[in-house]
Amino acid sequence: MDEVSLHLSERLRRRVSEAARRQHVSDEEYMRNAIERSLQDDASRLAVQPRPRLPLFRSGDPTLAERLDDILAAGFGLDTTGERPRPGAPAGTGQAARAHLHGSGSRSTRPR
């Protein structure tokens, strides 16, 4: 087994010792077990999360990519209802933003 030096605050070292005593193991065994559990948890989280597949969504609008800058610029600084928010005001329903993305807003005048 490899030996590793680990610096712990006095408070953390005391907590490790108390937890190890409750589990009837040495401080070293407790820390090894804790590291092993943490690594298993990390591996489990990574295994559960699916990798994204392209395309991420289908808008049904073949001009969406061409109009994206205009769509974003039109909504910049607006809350989700399409209004300029008052400081401290709650967010709205987002109907204006959704309508704009689904094509009921103005079309781009940029040349294609």
C-alpha atoms as a PDB file:
ATOM      1  CA  MET A   1       0.000   0.000   0.000  1.00  0.00           C
ATOM      2  CA  ASP A   2       1.302   3.483  -0.834  1.00  0.00           C
ATOM      3  CA  GLU A   3       1.691   5.984   1.955  1.00  0.00           C
ATOM      4  CA  VAL A   4       0.205   9.447   1.409  1.00  0.00           C
ATOM      5  CA  SER A   5       0.569  12.516   3.586  1.00  0.00           C
ATOM      6  CA  LEU A   6      -2.661  14.450   4.109  1.00  0.00           C
ATOM      7  CA  HIS A   7      -2.991  17.796   5.878  1.00  0.00           C
ATOM      8  CA  LEU A   8      -6.250  18.216   7.813  1.00  0.00           C
ATOM      9  CA  SER A   9      -7.450  21.046   9.984  1.00  0.00           C
ATOM     10  CA  GLU A  10      -7.693  20.218  13.678  1.00  0.00           C
ATOM     11  CA  ARG A  11     -11.487  20.355  13.455  1.00  0.00           C
ATOM     12  CA  LEU A  12     -11.642  18.004  10.456  1.00  0.00           C
ATOM     13  CA  ARG A  13      -9.179  15.577  12.026  1.00  0.00           C
ATOM     14  CA  ARG A  14     -11.334  15.502  15.185  1.00  0.00           C
ATOM     15  CA  ARG A  15     -14.471  14.806  13.115  1.00  0.00           C
ATOM     16  CA  VAL A  16     -12.701  11.969  11.266  1.00  0.00           C
ATOM     17  CA  SER A  17     -11.576  10.438  14.567  1.00  0.00           C
ATOM     18  CA  GLU A  18     -15.085  10.626  16.045  1.00  0.00           C
ATOM     19  CA  ALA A  19     -16.662   9.065  12.936  1.00  0.00           C
ATOM     20  CA  ALA A  20     -14.023   6.321  12.819  1.00  0.00           C
ATOM     21  CA  ARG A  21     -14.619   5.520  16.481  1.00  0.00           C
ATOM     22  CA  ARG A  22     -18.391   5.246  15.864  1.00  0.00           C
ATOM     23  CA  GLN A  23     -17.714   2.775  13.020  1.00  0.00           C
ATOM     24  CA  HIS A  24     -15.095   0.869  15.041  1.00  0.00           C
ATOM     25  CA  VAL A  25     -12.337   1.423  12.468  1.00  0.00           C
ATOM     26  CA  SER A  26      -9.038   3.292  12.468  1.00  0.00           C
ATOM     27  CA  ASP A  27      -8.869   6.885  11.247  1.00  0.00           C
ATOM     28  CA  GLU A  28      -6.853   5.695   8.250  1.00  0.00           C
ATOM     29  CA  GLU A  29      -9.407   3.026   7.329  1.00  0.00           C
ATOM     30  CA  TYR A  30     -12.223   5.529   7.707  1.00  0.00           C
ATOM     31  CA  MET A  31     -10.490   7.964   5.311  1.00  0.00           C
ATOM     32  CA  ARG A  32      -9.740   5.195   2.778  1.00  0.00           C
ATOM     33  CA  ASN A  33     -13.393   4.118   2.889  1.00  0.00           C
ATOM     34  CA  ALA A  34     -14.567   7.722   2.489  1.00  0.00           C
ATOM     35  CA  ILE A  35     -12.348   8.242  -0.553  1.00  0.00           C
ATOM     36  CA  GLU A  36     -13.525   4.963  -2.083  1.00  0.00           C
ATOM     37  CA  ARG A  37     -17.204   5.929  -1.565  1.00  0.00           C
ATOM     38  CA  SER A  38     -16.584   9.331  -3.113  1.00  0.00           C
ATOM     39  CA  LEU A  39     -14.937   7.787  -6.184  1.00  0.00           C
ATOM     40  CA  GLN A  40     -17.798   5.282  -6.569  1.00  0.00           C
ATOM     41  CA  ASP A  41     -20.350   8.108  -6.306  1.00  0.00           C
ATOM     42  CA  ASP A  42     -18.506  10.076  -8.998  1.00  0.00           C
ATOM     43  CA  ALA A  43     -18.401   7.036 -11.295  1.00  0.00           C
ATOM     44  CA  SER A  44     -22.115   6.379 -10.724  1.00  0.00           C
ATOM     45  CA  ARG A  45     -23.055   9.986 -11.549  1.00  0.00           C
ATOM     46  CA  LEU A  46     -21.021   9.897 -14.742  1.00  0.00           C
ATOM     47  CA  ALA A  47     -22.483   6.564 -15.810  1.00  0.00           C
ATOM     48  CA  VAL A  48     -26.085   7.742 -15.302  1.00  0.00           C
ATOM     49  CA  GLN A  49     -25.834  10.969 -17.308  1.00  0.00           C
ATOM     50  CA  PRO A  50     -26.474  10.251 -20.986  1.00  0.00           C
ATOM     51  CA  ARG A  51     -24.290  11.949 -23.555  1.00  0.00           C
ATOM     52  CA  PRO A  52     -26.137  14.479 -25.729  1.00  0.00           C
ATOM     53  CA  ARG A  53     -27.031  13.342 -29.234  1.00  0.00           C
ATOM     54  CA  LEU A  54     -27.226  15.631 -32.198  1.00  0.00           C
ATOM     55  CA  PRO A  55     -29.470  17.208 -33.229  1.00  0.00           C
ATOM     56  CA  LEU A  56     -30.416  18.416 -29.736  1.00  0.00           C
ATOM     57  CA  PHE A  57     -33.846  19.535 -30.974  1.00  0.00           C
ATOM     58  CA  ARG A  58     -35.792  19.991 -34.203  1.00  0.00           C
ATOM     59  CA  SER A  59     -37.433  23.381 -34.578  1.00  0.00           C
ATOM     60  CA  GLY A  60     -39.199  22.620 -37.847  1.00  0.00           C
ATOM     61  CA  ASP A  61     -38.021  26.058 -39.015  1.00  0.00           C
ATOM     62  CA  PRO A  62     -35.291  25.820 -41.651  1.00  0.00           C
ATOM     63  CA  THR A  63     -34.530  29.549 -41.258  1.00  0.00           C
ATOM     64  CA  LEU A  64     -34.042  29.480 -37.472  1.00  0.00           C
ATOM     65  CA  ALA A  65     -30.224  29.421 -37.607  1.00  0.00           C
ATOM     66  CA  GLU A  66     -30.188  32.347 -40.054  1.00  0.00           C
ATOM     67  CA  ARG A  67     -32.545  34.383 -37.834  1.00  0.00           C
ATOM     68  CA  LEU A  68     -30.976  33.507 -34.473  1.00  0.00           C
ATOM     69  CA  ASP A  69     -29.035  36.770 -34.023  1.00  0.00           C
ATOM     70  CA  ASP A  70     -32.163  38.813 -34.748  1.00  0.00           C
ATOM     71  CA  ILE A  71     -34.299  36.690 -32.410  1.00  0.00           C
ATOM     72  CA  LEU A  72     -31.807  37.042 -29.577  1.00  0.00           C
ATOM     73  CA  ALA A  73     -31.342  40.784 -30.167  1.00  0.00           C
ATOM     74  CA  ALA A  74     -35.100  41.362 -30.167  1.00  0.00           C
ATOM     75  CA  GLY A  75     -35.445  39.819 -26.729  1.00  0.00           C
ATOM     76  CA  PHE A  76     -32.259  41.172 -25.134  1.00  0.00           C
ATOM     77  CA  GLY A  77     -33.096  42.959 -21.881  1.00  0.00           C
ATOM     78  CA  LEU A  78     -36.707  41.766 -21.812  1.00  0.00           C
ATOM     79  CA  ASP A  79     -38.221  39.533 -19.173  1.00  0.00           C
ATOM     80  CA  THR A  80     -39.982  36.311 -20.157  1.00  0.00           C
ATOM     81  CA  THR A  81     -43.243  38.163 -20.964  1.00  0.00           C
ATOM     82  CA  GLY A  82     -41.499  40.405 -23.509  1.00  0.00           C
ATOM     83  CA  GLU A  83     -41.614  43.473 -21.238  1.00  0.00           C
ATOM     84  CA  ARG A  84     -38.766  45.457 -19.709  1.00  0.00           C
ATOM     85  CA  PRO A  85     -38.641  44.190 -16.112  1.00  0.00           C
ATOM     86  CA  ARG A  86     -39.078  46.510 -13.160  1.00  0.00           C
ATOM     87  CA  PRO A  87     -36.387  46.003 -10.511  1.00  0.00           C
ATOM     88  CA  GLY A  88     -37.601  43.318  -8.103  1.00  0.00           C
ATOM     89  CA  ALA A  89     -40.583  42.331 -10.272  1.00  0.00           C
ATOM     90  CA  PRO A  90     -41.290  38.588 -10.671  1.00  0.00           C
ATOM     91  CA  ALA A  91     -40.616  36.943 -14.032  1.00  0.00           C
ATOM     92  CA  GLY A  92     -43.527  36.377 -16.416  1.00  0.00           C
ATOM     93  CA  THR A  93     -44.737  33.431 -18.460  1.00  0.00           C
ATOM     94  CA  GLY A  94     -42.454  33.726 -21.455  1.00  0.00           C
ATOM     95  CA  GLN A  95     -45.245  33.861 -24.057  1.00  0.00           C
ATOM     96  CA  ALA A  96     -43.585  36.606 -26.118  1.00  0.00           C
ATOM     97  CA  ALA A  97     -40.268  34.786 -26.308  1.00  0.00           C
ATOM     98  CA  ARG A  98     -41.937  31.501 -27.266  1.00  0.00           C
ATOM     99  CA  ALA A  99     -44.062  33.192 -29.934  1.00  0.00           C
ATOM    100  CA  HIS A 100     -40.971  34.817 -31.416  1.00  0.00           C
ATOM    101  CA  LEU A 101     -39.063  31.527 -31.594  1.00  0.00           C
ATOM    102  CA  HIS A 102     -41.999  29.764 -33.206  1.00  0.00           C
ATOM    103  CA  GLY A 103     -42.168  32.223 -36.053  1.00  0.00           C
ATOM    104  CA  SER A 104     -45.038  34.519 -35.095  1.00  0.00           C
ATOM    105  CA  GLY A 105     -42.624  37.429 -34.641  1.00  0.00           C
ATOM    106  CA  SER A 106     -41.091  39.509 -37.392  1.00  0.00           C
ATOM    107  CA  ARG A 107     -38.836  37.842 -39.959  1.00  0.00           C
ATOM    108  CA  SER A 108     -35.238  38.812 -40.545  1.00  0.00           C
ATOM    109  CA  THR A 109     -34.576  41.375 -43.236  1.00  0.00           C
ATOM    110  CA  ARG A 110     -30.983  40.224 -43.591  1.00  0.00           C
ATOM    111  CA  PRO A 111     -30.054  39.071 -47.123  1.00  0.00           C
ATOM    112  CA  ARG A 112     -29.583  35.354 -47.573  1.00  0.00           C
END
